[in-house]
C-alpha atoms as a PDB file:
ATOM      1  CA  MET A   1       0.000   0.000   0.000  1.00  0.00           C
ATOM      2  CA  THR A   2       1.355   3.419  -0.963  1.00  0.00           C
ATOM      3  CA  ARG A   3       1.574   6.285   1.528  1.00  0.00           C
ATOM      4  CA  GLU A   4      -1.325   8.003  -0.283  1.00  0.00           C
ATOM      5  CA  GLU A   5      -3.444   4.855  -0.025  1.00  0.00           C
ATOM      6  CA  ASN A   6      -2.557   4.465   3.640  1.00  0.00           C
ATOM      7  CA  ASP A   7      -3.571   8.084   4.368  1.00  0.00           C
ATOM      8  CA  SER A   8      -6.923   7.687   2.607  1.00  0.00           C
ATOM      9  CA  ALA A   9      -7.836   4.160   3.753  1.00  0.00           C
ATOM     10  CA  GLY A  10     -11.405   4.095   5.012  1.00  0.00           C
ATOM     11  CA  LYS A  11     -11.939   7.847   4.677  1.00  0.00           C
ATOM     12  CA  ALA A  12     -15.267   8.951   3.202  1.00  0.00           C
ATOM     13  CA  ALA A  13     -15.132  10.663  -0.170  1.00  0.00           C
ATOM     14  CA  ILE A  14     -17.781  11.949  -2.552  1.00  0.00           C
ATOM     15  CA  VAL A  15     -17.361  10.776  -6.150  1.00  0.00           C
ATOM     16  CA  LEU A  16     -19.434  12.432  -8.867  1.00  0.00           C
ATOM     17  CA  LEU A  17     -20.648   9.599 -11.084  1.00  0.00           C
ATOM     18  CA  SER A  18     -22.180  10.436 -14.447  1.00  0.00           C
ATOM     19  CA  GLY A  19     -22.084   6.941 -15.904  1.00  0.00           C
ATOM     20  CA  GLY A  20     -19.472   7.952 -18.458  1.00  0.00           C
ATOM     21  CA  LEU A  21     -15.921   6.908 -19.247  1.00  0.00           C
ATOM     22  CA  ASP A  22     -14.224   9.549 -17.119  1.00  0.00           C
ATOM     23  CA  SER A  23     -16.311   9.184 -13.985  1.00  0.00           C
ATOM     24  CA  ILE A  24     -15.936   5.393 -13.777  1.00  0.00           C
ATOM     25  CA  THR A  25     -12.167   5.825 -14.047  1.00  0.00           C
ATOM     26  CA  VAL A  26     -12.202   8.328 -11.190  1.00  0.00           C
ATOM     27  CA  LEU A  27     -14.332   5.975  -9.076  1.00  0.00           C
ATOM     28  CA  ALA A  28     -11.884   3.155  -9.763  1.00  0.00           C
ATOM     29  CA  LEU A  29      -8.950   5.393  -8.777  1.00  0.00           C
ATOM     30  CA  ALA A  30     -10.605   6.581  -5.554  1.00  0.00           C
ATOM     31  CA  THR A  31     -11.539   2.988  -4.693  1.00  0.00           C
ATOM     32  CA  ARG A  32      -7.969   1.812  -5.315  1.00  0.00           C
ATOM     33  CA  GLN A  33      -6.703   4.572  -3.014  1.00  0.00           C
ATOM     34  CA  GLY A  34      -8.832   3.107  -0.228  1.00  0.00           C
ATOM     35  CA  TYR A  35     -11.545   5.725   0.095  1.00  0.00           C
ATOM     36  CA  ALA A  36     -15.036   4.731   1.215  1.00  0.00           C
ATOM     37  CA  CYS A  37     -16.723   6.113  -1.879  1.00  0.00           C
ATOM     38  CA  HIS A  38     -20.127   7.769  -1.705  1.00  0.00           C
ATOM     39  CA  ALA A  39     -21.239   8.093  -5.311  1.00  0.00           C
ATOM     40  CA  LEU A  40     -23.455  10.942  -6.470  1.00  0.00           C
ATOM     41  CA  SER A  41     -25.387  11.243  -9.733  1.00  0.00           C
ATOM     42  CA  PHE A  42     -27.879  13.800 -11.002  1.00  0.00           C
ATOM     43  CA  ASP A  43     -31.144  13.559 -12.848  1.00  0.00           C
ATOM     44  CA  TYR A  44     -30.888  17.114 -14.093  1.00  0.00           C
ATOM     45  CA  GLY A  45     -33.387  16.983 -16.901  1.00  0.00           C
ATOM     46  CA  GLN A  46     -31.042  15.516 -19.482  1.00  0.00           C
ATOM     47  CA  ARG A  47     -32.711  14.367 -22.670  1.00  0.00           C
ATOM     48  CA  HIS A  48     -31.916  10.718 -22.025  1.00  0.00           C
ATOM     49  CA  ASN A  49     -31.515   8.649 -18.884  1.00  0.00           C
ATOM     50  CA  ALA A  50     -29.229   5.990 -20.306  1.00  0.00           C
ATOM     51  CA  GLU A  51     -26.268   7.522 -18.487  1.00  0.00           C
ATOM     52  CA  LEU A  52     -28.133   7.341 -15.176  1.00  0.00           C
ATOM     53  CA  ALA A  53     -28.889   3.671 -15.750  1.00  0.00           C
ATOM     54  CA  ALA A  54     -25.164   3.177 -16.406  1.00  0.00           C
ATOM     55  CA  ALA A  55     -24.269   5.076 -13.239  1.00  0.00           C
ATOM     56  CA  ARG A  56     -26.535   2.818 -11.165  1.00  0.00           C
ATOM     57  CA  ARG A  57     -24.898  -0.285 -12.626  1.00  0.00           C
ATOM     58  CA  ILE A  58     -21.428   1.100 -11.937  1.00  0.00           C
ATOM     59  CA  ALA A  59     -22.304   2.037  -8.349  1.00  0.00           C
ATOM     60  CA  GLU A  60     -23.568  -1.497  -7.756  1.00  0.00           C
ATOM     61  CA  ARG A  61     -20.513  -3.080  -9.391  1.00  0.00           C
ATOM     62  CA  TYR A  62     -18.135  -1.076  -7.192  1.00  0.00           C
ATOM     63  CA  ARG A  63     -20.233  -1.645  -4.072  1.00  0.00           C
ATOM     64  CA  VAL A  64     -19.970   1.993  -3.049  1.00  0.00           C
ATOM     65  CA  ALA A  65     -20.630   2.946   0.564  1.00  0.00           C
ATOM     66  CA  ASP A  66     -23.722   4.881  -0.505  1.00  0.00           C
ATOM     67  CA  TYR A  67     -25.276   6.056  -3.748  1.00  0.00           C
ATOM     68  CA  LYS A  68     -27.616   8.984  -4.280  1.00  0.00           C
ATOM     69  CA  ILE A  69     -29.339  10.498  -7.289  1.00  0.00           C
ATOM     70  CA  PHE A  70     -30.404  14.123  -6.839  1.00  0.00           C
ATOM     71  CA  ASN A  71     -33.161  15.578  -8.999  1.00  0.00           C
ATOM     72  CA  LEU A  72     -32.428  19.079 -10.278  1.00  0.00           C
ATOM     73  CA  GLY A  73     -34.587  19.875 -13.305  1.00  0.00           C
ATOM     74  CA  LEU A  74     -32.107  22.078 -15.171  1.00  0.00           C
ATOM     75  CA  ASN A  75     -34.252  21.518 -18.258  1.00  0.00           C
ATOM     76  CA  ALA A  76     -36.567  24.170 -16.841  1.00  0.00           C
ATOM     77  CA  MET A  77     -33.864  26.716 -17.714  1.00  0.00           C
ATOM     78  CA  GLY A  78     -33.004  25.240 -21.093  1.00  0.00           C
ATOM     79  CA  GLY A  79     -30.092  26.782 -22.933  1.00  0.00           C
ATOM     80  CA  SER A  80     -28.328  23.512 -23.763  1.00  0.00           C
ATOM     81  CA  ALA A  81     -28.716  20.792 -26.357  1.00  0.00           C
ATOM     82  CA  LEU A  82     -28.500  18.277 -23.511  1.00  0.00           C
ATOM     83  CA  THR A  83     -31.565  19.626 -21.692  1.00  0.00           C
ATOM     84  CA  ASP A  84     -33.642  21.387 -24.360  1.00  0.00           C
ATOM     85  CA  SER A  85     -35.251  19.233 -27.051  1.00  0.00           C
ATOM     86  CA  ALA A  86     -35.580  22.310 -29.273  1.00  0.00           C
ATOM     87  CA  ILE A  87     -31.774  22.510 -29.612  1.00  0.00           C
ATOM     88  CA  ALA A  88     -30.193  19.842 -31.788  1.00  0.00           C
ATOM     89  CA  VAL A  89     -27.119  17.956 -30.612  1.00  0.00           C
ATOM     90  CA  PRO A  90     -24.347  18.916 -33.077  1.00  0.00           C
ATOM     91  CA  THR A  91     -23.016  16.142 -35.288  1.00  0.00           C
ATOM     92  CA  SER A  92     -19.863  17.974 -36.410  1.00  0.00           C
ATOM     93  CA  PRO A  93     -17.106  19.860 -34.552  1.00  0.00           C
ATOM     94  CA  GLN A  94     -18.094  23.326 -33.276  1.00  0.00           C
ATOM     95  CA  THR A  95     -16.062  26.460 -32.716  1.00  0.00           C
ATOM     96  CA  GLY A  96     -16.084  28.077 -29.291  1.00  0.00           C
ATOM     97  CA  ILE A  97     -18.112  26.680 -26.402  1.00  0.00           C
ATOM     98  CA  PRO A  98     -20.626  24.244 -27.955  1.00  0.00           C
ATOM     99  CA  VAL A  99     -24.378  24.193 -27.380  1.00  0.00           C
ATOM    100  CA  THR A 100     -23.966  20.971 -25.389  1.00  0.00           C
ATOM    101  CA  TYR A 101     -22.584  23.073 -22.528  1.00  0.00           C
ATOM    102  CA  VAL A 102     -25.128  23.065 -19.683  1.00  0.00           C
ATOM    103  CA  PRO A 103     -25.075  26.450 -17.925  1.00  0.00           C
ATOM    104  CA  ALA A 104     -23.251  26.249 -14.561  1.00  0.00           C
ATOM    105  CA  ARG A 105     -23.679  22.457 -14.419  1.00  0.00           C
ATOM    106  CA  ASN A 106     -20.434  21.553 -12.681  1.00  0.00           C
ATOM    107  CA  THR A 107     -20.814  24.470 -10.271  1.00  0.00           C
ATOM    108  CA  ILE A 108     -24.221  23.114  -9.269  1.00  0.00           C
ATOM    109  CA  PHE A 109     -23.040  19.503  -9.117  1.00  0.00           C
ATOM    110  CA  LEU A 110     -20.045  20.364  -6.957  1.00  0.00           C
ATOM    111  CA  ALA A 111     -22.205  22.459  -4.641  1.00  0.00           C
ATOM    112  CA  TYR A 112     -24.406  19.426  -3.937  1.00  0.00           C
ATOM    113  CA  ALA A 113     -21.319  17.254  -3.467  1.00  0.00           C
ATOM    114  CA  LEU A 114     -19.932  19.836  -1.058  1.00  0.00           C
ATOM    115  CA  GLY A 115     -23.111  19.772   1.019  1.00  0.00           C
ATOM    116  CA  TRP A 116     -23.103  15.986   1.241  1.00  0.00           C
ATOM    117  CA  ALA A 117     -19.407  16.028   2.131  1.00  0.00           C
ATOM    118  CA  GLU A 118     -20.161  18.295   5.094  1.00  0.00           C
ATOM    119  CA  VAL A 119     -22.917  15.980   6.295  1.00  0.00           C
ATOM    120  CA  LEU A 120     -20.521  13.013   6.123  1.00  0.00           C
ATOM    121  CA  HIS A 121     -17.610  14.981   7.621  1.00  0.00           C
ATOM    122  CA  ALA A 122     -15.721  14.122   4.445  1.00  0.00           C
ATOM    123  CA  SER A 123     -12.850  16.258   3.190  1.00  0.00           C
ATOM    124  CA  ASP A 124     -12.505  14.796  -0.301  1.00  0.00           C
ATOM    125  CA  VAL A 125     -14.594  15.268  -3.436  1.00  0.00           C
ATOM    126  CA  PHE A 126     -13.654  13.576  -6.733  1.00  0.00           C
ATOM    127  CA  ILE A 127     -14.788  14.755 -10.159  1.00  0.00           C
ATOM    128  CA  GLY A 128     -13.746  13.481 -13.593  1.00  0.00           C
ATOM    129  CA  VAL A 129     -13.218  16.802 -15.363  1.00  0.00           C
ATOM    130  CA  ASN A 130     -10.574  16.968 -18.067  1.00  0.00           C
ATOM    131  CA  ALA A 131      -8.983  19.900 -19.902  1.00  0.00           C
ATOM    132  CA  VAL A 132      -7.085  18.016 -22.621  1.00  0.00           C
ATOM    133  CA  ASP A 133      -9.462  15.965 -24.800  1.00  0.00           C
ATOM    134  CA  TYR A 134     -12.673  17.793 -23.950  1.00  0.00           C
ATOM    135  CA  SER A 135     -15.382  19.963 -25.496  1.00  0.00           C
ATOM    136  CA  GLY A 136     -14.076  23.284 -24.196  1.00  0.00           C
ATOM    137  CA  TYR A 137     -16.515  23.693 -21.311  1.00  0.00           C
ATOM    138  CA  PRO A 138     -15.384  26.497 -18.965  1.00  0.00           C
ATOM    139  CA  ASP A 139     -16.304  24.495 -15.856  1.00  0.00           C
ATOM    140  CA  CYS A 140     -13.843  21.723 -16.712  1.00  0.00           C
ATOM    141  CA  ARG A 141     -10.720  23.893 -16.409  1.00  0.00           C
ATOM    142  CA  PRO A 142      -8.211  23.829 -13.524  1.00  0.00           C
ATOM    143  CA  GLU A 143      -8.857  27.529 -12.862  1.00  0.00           C
ATOM    144  CA  PHE A 144     -12.490  26.773 -12.128  1.00  0.00           C
ATOM    145  CA  ILE A 145     -11.701  23.841  -9.828  1.00  0.00           C
ATOM    146  CA  GLN A 146      -9.169  25.885  -7.859  1.00  0.00           C
ATOM    147  CA  ALA A 147     -11.640  28.758  -7.503  1.00  0.00           C
ATOM    148  CA  PHE A 148     -14.401  26.401  -6.357  1.00  0.00           C
ATOM    149  CA  GLN A 149     -12.138  24.778  -3.781  1.00  0.00           C
ATOM    150  CA  THR A 150     -11.218  28.214  -2.422  1.00  0.00           C
ATOM    151  CA  MET A 151     -14.892  29.139  -2.229  1.00  0.00           C
ATOM    152  CA  ALA A 152     -15.757  25.809  -0.581  1.00  0.00           C
ATOM    153  CA  ASN A 153     -13.354  26.461   2.266  1.00  0.00           C
ATOM    154  CA  LEU A 154     -14.715  29.961   2.778  1.00  0.00           C
ATOM    155  CA  ALA A 155     -18.390  29.081   2.587  1.00  0.00           C
ATOM    156  CA  THR A 156     -18.704  25.986   4.781  1.00  0.00           C
ATOM    157  CA  LYS A 157     -18.703  25.292   8.508  1.00  0.00           C
ATOM    158  CA  ALA A 158     -16.119  22.583   7.888  1.00  0.00           C
ATOM    159  CA  GLY A 159     -13.843  24.970   6.038  1.00  0.00           C
ATOM    160  CA  VAL A 160     -13.902  27.790   8.563  1.00  0.00           C
ATOM    161  CA  GLU A 161     -13.373  25.319  11.422  1.00  0.00           C
ATOM    162  CA  GLY A 162     -10.227  23.943   9.810  1.00  0.00           C
ATOM    163  CA  GLN A 163     -11.459  20.843   7.959  1.00  0.00           C
ATOM    164  CA  GLN A 164     -10.245  21.770   4.511  1.00  0.00           C
ATOM    165  CA  ILE A 165     -12.209  20.448   1.536  1.00  0.00           C
ATOM    166  CA  ARG A 166     -10.142  19.092  -1.356  1.00  0.00           C
ATOM    167  CA  ILE A 167     -11.508  18.801  -4.891  1.00  0.00           C
ATOM    168  CA  HIS A 168      -9.644  15.949  -6.612  1.00  0.00           C
ATOM    169  CA  THR A 169      -9.359  16.016 -10.416  1.00  0.00           C
ATOM    170  CA  PRO A 170      -7.028  13.097 -11.215  1.00  0.00           C
ATOM    171  CA  LEU A 171      -7.845  13.170 -14.947  1.00  0.00           C
ATOM    172  CA  MET A 172      -7.421  16.913 -15.496  1.00  0.00           C
ATOM    173  CA  ALA A 173      -4.176  16.757 -17.499  1.00  0.00           C
ATOM    174  CA  MET A 174      -4.662  13.345 -19.108  1.00  0.00           C
ATOM    175  CA  SER A 175      -5.563  12.633 -22.714  1.00  0.00           C
ATOM    176  CA  LYS A 176      -8.572  10.432 -23.353  1.00  0.00           C
ATOM    177  CA  ALA A 177      -6.194   7.650 -24.393  1.00  0.00           C
ATOM    178  CA  ASP A 178      -4.256   8.002 -21.132  1.00  0.00           C
ATOM    179  CA  ILE A 179      -7.505   7.862 -19.163  1.00  0.00           C
ATOM    180  CA  ILE A 180      -8.511   4.645 -20.916  1.00  0.00           C
ATOM    181  CA  ARG A 181      -5.073   3.132 -20.331  1.00  0.00           C
ATOM    182  CA  GLN A 182      -5.247   4.090 -16.660  1.00  0.00           C
ATOM    183  CA  GLY A 183      -8.708   2.604 -16.294  1.00  0.00           C
ATOM    184  CA  SER A 184      -7.668  -0.574 -18.059  1.00  0.00           C
ATOM    185  CA  THR A 185      -4.869  -1.124 -15.529  1.00  0.00           C
ATOM    186  CA  LEU A 186      -7.507  -0.796 -12.801  1.00  0.00           C
ATOM    187  CA  GLY A 187      -9.776  -3.360 -14.421  1.00  0.00           C
ATOM    188  CA  VAL A 188     -12.426  -0.876 -15.527  1.00  0.00           C
ATOM    189  CA  ASP A 189     -15.068  -2.345 -17.849  1.00  0.00           C
ATOM    190  CA  TYR A 190     -15.893   0.520 -20.188  1.00  0.00           C
ATOM    191  CA  ALA A 191     -18.746  -1.499 -21.693  1.00  0.00           C
ATOM    192  CA  ASP A 192     -20.677  -0.396 -18.596  1.00  0.00           C
ATOM    193  CA  THR A 193     -20.423   3.285 -19.545  1.00  0.00           C
ATOM    194  CA  VAL A 194     -22.428   5.715 -21.673  1.00  0.00           C
ATOM    195  CA  SER A 195     -20.744   8.853 -23.002  1.00  0.00           C
ATOM    196  CA  CYS A 196     -22.957   9.815 -25.952  1.00  0.00           C
ATOM    197  CA  TYR A 197     -24.884  13.100 -25.857  1.00  0.00           C
ATOM    198  CA  ALA A 198     -27.724  11.484 -27.813  1.00  0.00           C
ATOM    199  CA  ALA A 199     -27.747   7.874 -26.609  1.00  0.00           C
ATOM    200  CA  ASP A 200     -30.946   5.911 -27.149  1.00  0.00           C
ATOM    201  CA  VAL A 201     -32.928   4.295 -24.321  1.00  0.00           C
ATOM    202  CA  GLU A 202     -30.709   1.204 -24.510  1.00  0.00           C
ATOM    203  CA  GLY A 203     -27.568   3.297 -24.101  1.00  0.00           C
ATOM    204  CA  ARG A 204     -26.444   2.867 -27.706  1.00  0.00           C
ATOM    205  CA  ALA A 205     -24.303   5.738 -28.990  1.00  0.00           C
ATOM    206  CA  CYS A 206     -24.937   7.920 -32.034  1.00  0.00           C
ATOM    207  CA  GLY A 207     -21.257   7.824 -33.056  1.00  0.00           C
ATOM    208  CA  VAL A 208     -21.221  11.387 -34.414  1.00  0.00           C
ATOM    209  CA  CYS A 209     -21.583  13.779 -31.458  1.00  0.00           C
ATOM    210  CA  ASP A 210     -18.563  15.421 -29.835  1.00  0.00           C
ATOM    211  CA  ALA A 211     -18.523  12.974 -26.909  1.00  0.00           C
ATOM    212  CA  CYS A 212     -18.624   9.991 -29.270  1.00  0.00           C
ATOM    213  CA  ARG A 213     -15.785  11.356 -31.412  1.00  0.00           C
ATOM    214  CA  LEU A 214     -13.553  11.987 -28.387  1.00  0.00           C
ATOM    215  CA  ARG A 215     -14.332   8.562 -26.934  1.00  0.00           C
ATOM    216  CA  ALA A 216     -13.671   6.674 -30.198  1.00  0.00           C
ATOM    217  CA  ALA A 217     -10.414   8.557 -30.801  1.00  0.00           C
ATOM    218  CA  GLY A 218      -9.318   7.771 -27.243  1.00  0.00           C
ATOM    219  CA  PHE A 219      -9.828   4.036 -27.606  1.00  0.00           C
ATOM    220  CA  ALA A 220      -8.055   4.052 -30.981  1.00  0.00           C
ATOM    221  CA  ALA A 221      -5.069   5.994 -29.599  1.00  0.00           C
ATOM    222  CA  ALA A 222      -4.894   3.786 -26.506  1.00  0.00           C
ATOM    223  CA  GLY A 223      -4.881   0.623 -28.611  1.00  0.00           C
ATOM    224  CA  VAL A 224      -7.788  -0.730 -26.561  1.00  0.00           C
ATOM    225  CA  VAL A 225     -10.823  -2.416 -28.095  1.00  0.00           C
ATOM    226  CA  ASP A 226     -13.766  -0.005 -28.060  1.00  0.00           C
ATOM    227  CA  PRO A 227     -16.744  -1.728 -26.378  1.00  0.00           C
ATOM    228  CA  THR A 228     -19.185   1.066 -27.268  1.00  0.00           C
ATOM    229  CA  ARG A 229     -22.503  -0.079 -28.718  1.00  0.00           C
ATOM    230  CA  TYR A 230     -23.612   2.141 -31.598  1.00  0.00           C
ATOM    231  CA  VAL A 231     -27.088   2.713 -32.987  1.00  0.00           C
ATOM    232  CA  ARG A 232     -25.685   2.395 -36.508  1.00  0.00           C
ATOM    233  CA  GLY A 233     -23.287  -0.416 -35.662  1.00  0.00           C
END
C-alpha cells in the first residue's frame, strides 16, 4: 500500500458519477486509493436517462458505501442541447463553447457534493473533469476547480473550522487515451459506460456527437478495443 493509499484508507469521499468513461475511471482510482466512496449522480433533466442507468450499474458493481441520485430539473432553464429538445445535438465539430454546454452544471453539481461532504464529515470530493481531450466547457478547467475549492473552504462550517475540503481532479491533465489506459490497468469495464450526448434508451451511442468522437479517438489511440454499442453499428 502506498503512503497516499494508507492516508486515505477508510476515509469517506464523494465521487461524482455520471455513468461515463471519465467518472468510472475516477471511481476506480478513488476505490484503489482506499476511500469509502459515496457516489453521487444527477437527474438534471437531461434528454436521455441511459447515463443514469449506467451510473446505477457502476455504483452497484463497485459496491460503493452509498449512492444517491439528486433531482435538479435544469431543463426548466433550457439553454443547452443536452436539456432542451428544441436545440439539436451537433453532429460535427463546433467552434467556441458548444451548445452541449449546460449552464453552470459543474458548479451546481459540486455544490451538492460539497453539502453531502459536510454531512458526512468528508474532506474529499472527486470529479472526472478533463482539460485536454474535452469539449471546451469552462467548468472543466483547472482555474475553475481551484476557484471552487477556495470558495468551498470559505463558505462551509467545515472549512472555517479547519477541515479543509479538497476537490480531486485526477484526470485533469490526461488525454482520453491516457484515461482509458489508466482505467484498463484498474480493471475498468468501459462497456458499462455511456458517453454519448444522444444515446438511445438502450444506451447505444450515435457515433457522431462530440462525446462519441472523443471517446472513439481515445480508444483508438490507446490501442484498446472499443466496447461502445452504436445505434448504426
